[in-house]
């Protein structure tokens, strides 16, 4: 009688997985479906996205480099102008944030003056630039 009460497993042991929870794929009909991935298409999309992102970043860096180069050129021009003005004749001590006028004499020497070109009755020099002394003691041309 004890043998009659024994139940047998109706599932065929050849059709079930022993460790179904650790398999890398679904082992039953109710498991989620897996679709084959087109690896070449996925790689192509990934490469396109990578190229677009890196090109955008390189363009940003290029713009920053151009801005820095323009700033460096402006500083270099101010440095050269300042050296030229400090070599000019001046009969006074220039003040920061004041406007002055740079002239060239007939002999080629330069003169820094507080008098503008239209304030002279007859200007004895050739007017070059209207300049201002900045706080860092460099000179800049006033437009």
N, C-alpha and C. Protein backbone atom coordinates (compact mmCIF):
# COMPACT_ATOMS: atom_id res chain seq x y z
N UNK A 1 0.79 -1.17 0.00
CA UNK A 1 0.00 0.00 0.00
C UNK A 1 0.84 1.25 0.00
N UNK A 2 1.94 1.22 0.64
CA UNK A 2 2.82 2.39 0.66
C UNK A 2 3.33 2.67 -0.73
N UNK A 3 3.50 1.63 -1.54
CA UNK A 3 3.98 1.84 -2.89
C UNK A 3 2.91 2.47 -3.77
N UNK A 4 1.67 2.25 -3.55
CA UNK A 4 0.60 2.79 -4.37
C UNK A 4 0.43 4.30 -4.14
N UNK A 5 0.74 4.76 -2.95
CA UNK A 5 0.58 6.18 -2.64
C UNK A 5 1.75 7.01 -3.17
N UNK A 6 2.75 6.40 -3.62
CA UNK A 6 3.89 7.13 -4.16
C UNK A 6 3.47 7.78 -5.47
N UNK A 7 3.75 9.07 -5.60
CA UNK A 7 3.42 9.77 -6.84
C UNK A 7 4.65 9.84 -7.72
N UNK A 8 4.42 9.84 -8.97
CA UNK A 8 5.55 9.95 -9.88
C UNK A 8 5.48 11.29 -10.60
N UNK A 9 6.61 11.80 -10.92
CA UNK A 9 6.72 13.08 -11.60
C UNK A 9 6.29 12.88 -13.05
N UNK A 10 5.25 13.62 -13.51
CA UNK A 10 4.78 13.41 -14.88
C UNK A 10 5.64 14.10 -15.93
N UNK A 11 6.59 14.94 -15.51
CA UNK A 11 7.44 15.66 -16.46
C UNK A 11 8.61 14.78 -16.82
N UNK A 12 8.87 14.73 -18.10
CA UNK A 12 9.96 13.91 -18.61
C UNK A 12 11.28 14.53 -18.17
N UNK A 13 12.15 13.82 -17.45
CA UNK A 13 13.40 14.39 -16.97
C UNK A 13 14.35 14.84 -18.08
N UNK A 14 14.17 14.36 -19.29
CA UNK A 14 15.02 14.80 -20.40
C UNK A 14 14.61 16.19 -20.90
N UNK A 15 13.42 16.66 -20.53
CA UNK A 15 12.92 17.93 -21.04
C UNK A 15 12.95 19.05 -20.02
N UNK A 16 13.53 18.82 -18.87
CA UNK A 16 13.64 19.88 -17.86
C UNK A 16 15.11 20.12 -17.52
N UNK A 17 15.37 21.34 -17.06
CA UNK A 17 16.74 21.68 -16.65
C UNK A 17 16.85 21.51 -15.15
N UNK A 18 17.96 20.98 -14.74
CA UNK A 18 18.14 20.77 -13.31
C UNK A 18 18.33 22.08 -12.56
N UNK A 19 19.13 22.99 -13.10
CA UNK A 19 19.40 24.28 -12.47
C UNK A 19 18.91 25.40 -13.39
N UNK A 20 17.62 25.49 -13.58
CA UNK A 20 17.03 26.45 -14.52
C UNK A 20 17.31 27.90 -14.13
N UNK A 21 17.47 28.18 -12.86
CA UNK A 21 17.66 29.57 -12.42
C UNK A 21 19.03 30.14 -12.76
N UNK A 22 19.99 29.29 -13.07
CA UNK A 22 21.33 29.81 -13.38
C UNK A 22 21.70 29.69 -14.86
N UNK A 23 20.77 29.26 -15.67
CA UNK A 23 21.04 29.16 -17.10
C UNK A 23 21.06 30.55 -17.72
N UNK A 24 21.89 30.79 -18.74
CA UNK A 24 21.96 32.11 -19.38
C UNK A 24 20.82 32.36 -20.36
N UNK A 25 19.90 31.41 -20.49
CA UNK A 25 18.78 31.54 -21.41
C UNK A 25 17.54 30.98 -20.71
N UNK A 26 16.38 31.30 -21.26
CA UNK A 26 15.14 30.80 -20.68
C UNK A 26 14.98 29.31 -20.94
N UNK A 27 14.49 28.58 -19.94
CA UNK A 27 14.37 27.12 -20.09
C UNK A 27 12.93 26.66 -20.10
N UNK A 28 11.99 27.61 -20.14
CA UNK A 28 10.59 27.20 -20.21
C UNK A 28 9.84 28.13 -21.16
N UNK A 29 8.62 27.77 -21.46
CA UNK A 29 7.81 28.55 -22.37
C UNK A 29 7.49 29.92 -21.77
N UNK A 30 7.39 30.01 -20.48
CA UNK A 30 7.04 31.28 -19.83
C UNK A 30 8.24 32.21 -19.64
N UNK A 31 9.42 31.79 -20.00
CA UNK A 31 10.62 32.63 -19.88
C UNK A 31 10.57 33.75 -20.92
N UNK A 32 11.20 34.91 -20.64
CA UNK A 32 11.18 35.99 -21.62
C UNK A 32 11.87 35.58 -22.92
N UNK A 33 11.37 36.13 -24.00
CA UNK A 33 11.90 35.79 -25.31
C UNK A 33 13.21 36.53 -25.54
N UNK A 34 14.13 35.90 -26.19
CA UNK A 34 15.41 36.51 -26.57
C UNK A 34 15.42 36.66 -28.07
N UNK A 35 15.79 37.88 -28.50
CA UNK A 35 15.88 38.12 -29.93
C UNK A 35 17.35 38.23 -30.30
N UNK A 36 17.66 37.76 -31.45
CA UNK A 36 19.03 37.86 -31.94
C UNK A 36 19.32 39.34 -32.24
N UNK A 37 20.48 39.78 -31.83
CA UNK A 37 20.87 41.16 -32.03
C UNK A 37 21.78 41.23 -33.26
N UNK A 38 21.49 42.23 -34.11
CA UNK A 38 22.34 42.46 -35.27
C UNK A 38 23.57 43.24 -34.76
N UNK A 39 24.64 42.52 -34.53
CA UNK A 39 25.84 43.10 -33.91
C UNK A 39 26.44 44.19 -34.80
N UNK A 40 26.49 44.00 -36.10
CA UNK A 40 27.07 45.00 -36.99
C UNK A 40 26.26 46.29 -36.96
N UNK A 41 24.93 46.18 -36.93
CA UNK A 41 24.08 47.36 -36.88
C UNK A 41 24.28 48.11 -35.56
N UNK A 42 24.35 47.37 -34.47
CA UNK A 42 24.54 47.97 -33.15
C UNK A 42 25.89 48.67 -33.08
N UNK A 43 26.93 48.01 -33.55
CA UNK A 43 28.26 48.62 -33.55
C UNK A 43 28.28 49.87 -34.42
N UNK A 44 27.61 49.82 -35.57
CA UNK A 44 27.57 50.97 -36.46
C UNK A 44 26.90 52.16 -35.78
N UNK A 45 25.80 51.93 -35.09
CA UNK A 45 25.11 53.00 -34.37
C UNK A 45 25.98 53.54 -33.25
N UNK A 46 26.65 52.64 -32.54
CA UNK A 46 27.53 53.07 -31.45
C UNK A 46 28.70 53.91 -31.96
N UNK A 47 29.28 53.50 -33.07
CA UNK A 47 30.40 54.23 -33.65
C UNK A 47 29.94 55.61 -34.11
N UNK A 48 28.76 55.68 -34.74
CA UNK A 48 28.23 56.97 -35.19
C UNK A 48 27.99 57.91 -34.01
N UNK A 49 27.42 57.38 -32.93
CA UNK A 49 27.17 58.19 -31.74
C UNK A 49 28.49 58.67 -31.14
N UNK A 50 29.47 57.78 -31.06
CA UNK A 50 30.78 58.13 -30.52
C UNK A 50 31.44 59.23 -31.35
N UNK A 51 31.38 59.09 -32.69
CA UNK A 51 32.00 60.09 -33.56
C UNK A 51 31.31 61.44 -33.42
N UNK A 52 29.99 61.43 -33.32
CA UNK A 52 29.26 62.69 -33.18
C UNK A 52 29.63 63.38 -31.86
N UNK A 53 29.68 62.64 -30.77
CA UNK A 53 30.00 63.22 -29.48
C UNK A 53 31.43 63.74 -29.44
N UNK A 54 32.38 62.97 -29.94
CA UNK A 54 33.77 63.42 -29.90
C UNK A 54 33.99 64.60 -30.84
N UNK A 55 33.30 64.63 -31.99
CA UNK A 55 33.41 65.78 -32.89
C UNK A 55 32.88 67.04 -32.22
N UNK A 56 31.77 66.92 -31.50
CA UNK A 56 31.22 68.07 -30.77
C UNK A 56 32.21 68.57 -29.73
N UNK A 57 32.81 67.66 -29.00
CA UNK A 57 33.78 68.05 -27.97
C UNK A 57 35.01 68.68 -28.60
N UNK A 58 35.49 68.13 -29.70
CA UNK A 58 36.66 68.70 -30.38
C UNK A 58 36.34 70.09 -30.93
N UNK A 59 35.13 70.29 -31.43
CA UNK A 59 34.74 71.62 -31.91
C UNK A 59 34.72 72.64 -30.76
N UNK A 60 34.23 72.21 -29.60
CA UNK A 60 34.23 73.10 -28.43
C UNK A 60 35.65 73.48 -28.04
N UNK A 61 36.54 72.51 -28.02
CA UNK A 61 37.93 72.77 -27.67
C UNK A 61 38.58 73.68 -28.71
N UNK A 62 38.26 73.47 -29.99
CA UNK A 62 38.80 74.32 -31.06
C UNK A 62 38.35 75.76 -30.87
N UNK A 63 37.08 75.97 -30.53
CA UNK A 63 36.58 77.32 -30.28
C UNK A 63 37.30 77.96 -29.09
N UNK A 64 37.54 77.17 -28.04
CA UNK A 64 38.25 77.69 -26.88
C UNK A 64 39.68 78.06 -27.23
N UNK A 65 40.33 77.24 -28.06
CA UNK A 65 41.70 77.52 -28.48
C UNK A 65 41.75 78.81 -29.29
N UNK A 66 40.77 78.99 -30.20
CA UNK A 66 40.73 80.20 -31.00
C UNK A 66 40.51 81.43 -30.13
N UNK A 67 39.65 81.30 -29.11
CA UNK A 67 39.41 82.42 -28.19
C UNK A 67 40.68 82.75 -27.41
N UNK A 68 41.36 81.73 -26.91
CA UNK A 68 42.61 81.96 -26.17
C UNK A 68 43.68 82.57 -27.07
N UNK A 69 43.74 82.12 -28.32
CA UNK A 69 44.72 82.69 -29.25
C UNK A 69 44.43 84.16 -29.52
N UNK A 70 43.15 84.50 -29.66
CA UNK A 70 42.78 85.91 -29.87
C UNK A 70 43.12 86.75 -28.65
N UNK A 71 42.88 86.21 -27.45
CA UNK A 71 43.22 86.92 -26.23
C UNK A 71 44.73 87.11 -26.10
N UNK A 72 45.49 86.07 -26.43
CA UNK A 72 46.95 86.16 -26.37
C UNK A 72 47.47 87.20 -27.37
N UNK A 73 46.88 87.24 -28.57
CA UNK A 73 47.30 88.23 -29.57
C UNK A 73 47.01 89.64 -29.08
N UNK A 74 45.86 89.83 -28.46
CA UNK A 74 45.50 91.16 -27.95
C UNK A 74 46.48 91.59 -26.86
N UNK A 75 46.85 90.67 -25.97
CA UNK A 75 47.83 90.99 -24.92
C UNK A 75 49.19 91.30 -25.54
N UNK A 76 49.60 90.53 -26.54
CA UNK A 76 50.88 90.76 -27.21
C UNK A 76 50.90 92.12 -27.89
N UNK A 77 49.80 92.49 -28.54
CA UNK A 77 49.71 93.80 -29.19
C UNK A 77 49.79 94.92 -28.15
N UNK A 78 49.10 94.73 -27.01
CA UNK A 78 49.15 95.73 -25.94
C UNK A 78 50.55 95.86 -25.38
N UNK A 79 51.26 94.74 -25.28
CA UNK A 79 52.64 94.75 -24.77
C UNK A 79 53.55 95.54 -25.71
N UNK A 80 53.42 95.29 -27.02
CA UNK A 80 54.24 96.00 -27.99
C UNK A 80 53.93 97.50 -28.00
N UNK A 81 52.65 97.85 -27.93
CA UNK A 81 52.26 99.26 -27.87
C UNK A 81 52.81 99.91 -26.61
N UNK A 82 52.73 99.19 -25.49
CA UNK A 82 53.22 99.73 -24.22
C UNK A 82 54.72 99.99 -24.28
N UNK A 83 55.48 99.06 -24.85
CA UNK A 83 56.93 99.25 -24.98
C UNK A 83 57.21 100.47 -25.86
N UNK A 84 56.44 100.63 -26.92
CA UNK A 84 56.61 101.78 -27.81
C UNK A 84 56.32 103.08 -27.07
N UNK A 85 55.26 103.11 -26.29
CA UNK A 85 54.89 104.33 -25.56
C UNK A 85 55.91 104.64 -24.46
N UNK A 86 56.38 103.61 -23.75
CA UNK A 86 57.36 103.87 -22.69
C UNK A 86 58.69 104.37 -23.25
N UNK A 87 58.94 104.13 -24.53
CA UNK A 87 60.14 104.67 -25.18
C UNK A 87 59.91 106.07 -25.74
N UNK A 88 58.67 106.55 -25.70
CA UNK A 88 58.35 107.88 -26.23
C UNK A 88 58.73 108.96 -25.22
N UNK A 89 58.87 110.18 -25.74
CA UNK A 89 59.10 111.34 -24.87
C UNK A 89 57.81 111.65 -24.13
N UNK A 90 57.93 111.93 -22.83
CA UNK A 90 56.78 112.40 -22.08
C UNK A 90 57.30 113.30 -20.97
N UNK A 91 56.69 114.45 -20.82
CA UNK A 91 57.13 115.41 -19.82
C UNK A 91 56.27 115.39 -18.57
N UNK A 92 55.62 114.28 -18.31
CA UNK A 92 54.72 114.16 -17.16
C UNK A 92 54.63 112.69 -16.77
N UNK A 93 54.05 112.43 -15.59
CA UNK A 93 53.82 111.05 -15.15
C UNK A 93 52.38 110.68 -15.48
N UNK A 94 52.18 109.72 -16.38
CA UNK A 94 50.81 109.35 -16.76
C UNK A 94 50.05 108.73 -15.59
N UNK A 95 48.75 109.00 -15.54
CA UNK A 95 47.88 108.45 -14.51
C UNK A 95 47.04 107.32 -15.09
N UNK A 96 46.73 106.34 -14.26
CA UNK A 96 45.92 105.19 -14.68
C UNK A 96 44.52 105.68 -15.04
N UNK A 97 43.96 105.09 -16.09
CA UNK A 97 42.61 105.37 -16.61
C UNK A 97 42.47 106.79 -17.18
N UNK A 98 43.55 107.42 -17.54
CA UNK A 98 43.49 108.72 -18.20
C UNK A 98 43.85 108.52 -19.68
N UNK A 99 43.28 109.35 -20.51
CA UNK A 99 43.50 109.27 -21.95
C UNK A 99 44.61 110.23 -22.35
N UNK A 100 45.49 109.75 -23.24
CA UNK A 100 46.60 110.54 -23.74
C UNK A 100 46.67 110.38 -25.25
N UNK A 101 47.57 111.14 -25.87
CA UNK A 101 47.67 111.14 -27.32
C UNK A 101 49.11 110.89 -27.72
N UNK A 102 49.29 109.98 -28.66
CA UNK A 102 50.62 109.61 -29.13
C UNK A 102 50.85 110.25 -30.50
N UNK A 103 51.99 110.94 -30.61
CA UNK A 103 52.35 111.64 -31.85
C UNK A 103 53.71 111.17 -32.33
N UNK A 104 53.97 111.41 -33.63
CA UNK A 104 55.28 111.12 -34.21
C UNK A 104 55.86 112.45 -34.71
N UNK A 105 57.11 112.69 -34.32
CA UNK A 105 57.82 113.89 -34.80
C UNK A 105 58.31 113.64 -36.21
N UNK A 106 58.78 114.69 -36.84
CA UNK A 106 59.33 114.57 -38.19
C UNK A 106 60.59 113.72 -38.22
N UNK A 107 61.33 113.70 -37.11
CA UNK A 107 62.57 112.90 -37.06
C UNK A 107 62.31 111.43 -36.70
N UNK A 108 61.03 111.03 -36.53
CA UNK A 108 60.68 109.64 -36.28
C UNK A 108 60.46 109.29 -34.82
N UNK A 109 60.87 110.18 -33.90
CA UNK A 109 60.67 109.92 -32.47
C UNK A 109 59.21 110.13 -32.11
N UNK A 110 58.76 109.44 -31.07
CA UNK A 110 57.36 109.56 -30.65
C UNK A 110 57.27 110.40 -29.39
N UNK A 111 56.10 111.04 -29.23
CA UNK A 111 55.84 111.93 -28.10
C UNK A 111 54.46 111.57 -27.54
N UNK A 112 54.38 111.45 -26.21
CA UNK A 112 53.09 111.24 -25.55
C UNK A 112 52.66 112.58 -24.98
N UNK A 113 51.41 112.97 -25.26
CA UNK A 113 50.94 114.29 -24.85
C UNK A 113 49.55 114.18 -24.23
N UNK A 114 49.24 115.18 -23.39
CA UNK A 114 47.90 115.28 -22.83
C UNK A 114 46.99 116.08 -23.76
N UNK A 115 47.55 116.71 -24.76
CA UNK A 115 46.81 117.58 -25.67
C UNK A 115 46.40 116.78 -26.91
N UNK A 116 45.11 116.82 -27.20
CA UNK A 116 44.57 116.11 -28.35
C UNK A 116 44.88 116.80 -29.65
N UNK A 117 44.71 116.13 -30.77
CA UNK A 117 45.07 116.70 -32.07
C UNK A 117 44.21 117.90 -32.46
N UNK A 118 42.99 118.01 -31.94
CA UNK A 118 42.11 119.13 -32.29
C UNK A 118 42.22 120.28 -31.29
N UNK A 119 43.04 120.13 -30.27
CA UNK A 119 43.23 121.18 -29.27
C UNK A 119 44.41 122.10 -29.63
N UNK A 120 45.20 121.69 -30.59
CA UNK A 120 46.32 122.51 -31.05
C UNK A 120 45.80 123.57 -32.02
N UNK A 121 46.44 124.72 -32.00
CA UNK A 121 46.15 125.72 -33.03
C UNK A 121 46.71 125.20 -34.36
N UNK A 122 47.97 124.74 -34.30
CA UNK A 122 48.60 124.07 -35.44
C UNK A 122 49.42 122.94 -34.85
N UNK A 123 49.01 121.70 -35.09
CA UNK A 123 49.68 120.54 -34.49
C UNK A 123 51.07 120.37 -35.09
N UNK A 124 52.12 120.38 -34.26
CA UNK A 124 53.49 120.26 -34.78
C UNK A 124 53.90 118.81 -35.08
N UNK A 125 53.08 117.86 -34.72
CA UNK A 125 53.42 116.44 -34.88
C UNK A 125 52.34 115.73 -35.69
N UNK A 126 52.67 114.51 -36.11
CA UNK A 126 51.69 113.66 -36.80
C UNK A 126 50.98 112.80 -35.76
N UNK A 127 49.66 112.92 -35.69
CA UNK A 127 48.88 112.16 -34.72
C UNK A 127 48.90 110.67 -35.07
N UNK A 128 49.11 109.81 -34.03
CA UNK A 128 49.13 108.36 -34.25
C UNK A 128 47.93 107.68 -33.59
N UNK A 129 47.84 107.80 -32.25
CA UNK A 129 46.78 107.08 -31.53
C UNK A 129 46.31 107.86 -30.30
N UNK A 130 45.07 107.63 -29.95
CA UNK A 130 44.55 108.05 -28.66
C UNK A 130 44.67 106.81 -27.77
N UNK A 131 45.38 106.94 -26.63
CA UNK A 131 45.69 105.77 -25.81
C UNK A 131 45.25 106.01 -24.36
N UNK A 132 45.12 104.90 -23.64
CA UNK A 132 44.75 104.96 -22.22
C UNK A 132 45.70 104.05 -21.45
N UNK A 133 46.07 104.50 -20.25
CA UNK A 133 46.93 103.70 -19.38
C UNK A 133 46.03 102.82 -18.52
N UNK A 134 46.21 101.50 -18.62
CA UNK A 134 45.39 100.55 -17.87
C UNK A 134 46.00 100.30 -16.49
N UNK A 135 45.24 99.64 -15.63
CA UNK A 135 45.66 99.40 -14.25
C UNK A 135 46.91 98.52 -14.15
N UNK A 136 47.14 97.67 -15.14
CA UNK A 136 48.34 96.81 -15.11
C UNK A 136 49.54 97.51 -15.74
N UNK A 137 49.42 98.84 -15.96
CA UNK A 137 50.47 99.69 -16.53
C UNK A 137 50.80 99.34 -17.98
N UNK A 138 49.85 98.70 -18.66
CA UNK A 138 49.98 98.54 -20.11
C UNK A 138 49.08 99.60 -20.74
N UNK A 139 49.35 99.85 -21.99
CA UNK A 139 48.60 100.87 -22.73
C UNK A 139 47.69 100.19 -23.73
N UNK A 140 46.55 100.82 -24.01
CA UNK A 140 45.63 100.30 -25.01
C UNK A 140 45.14 101.46 -25.86
N UNK A 141 44.86 101.17 -27.12
CA UNK A 141 44.36 102.19 -28.04
C UNK A 141 42.87 102.37 -27.79
N UNK A 142 42.46 103.63 -27.67
CA UNK A 142 41.05 103.94 -27.49
C UNK A 142 40.45 104.14 -28.88
N UNK A 143 39.42 103.44 -29.18
CA UNK A 143 38.81 103.52 -30.51
C UNK A 143 38.02 104.80 -30.64
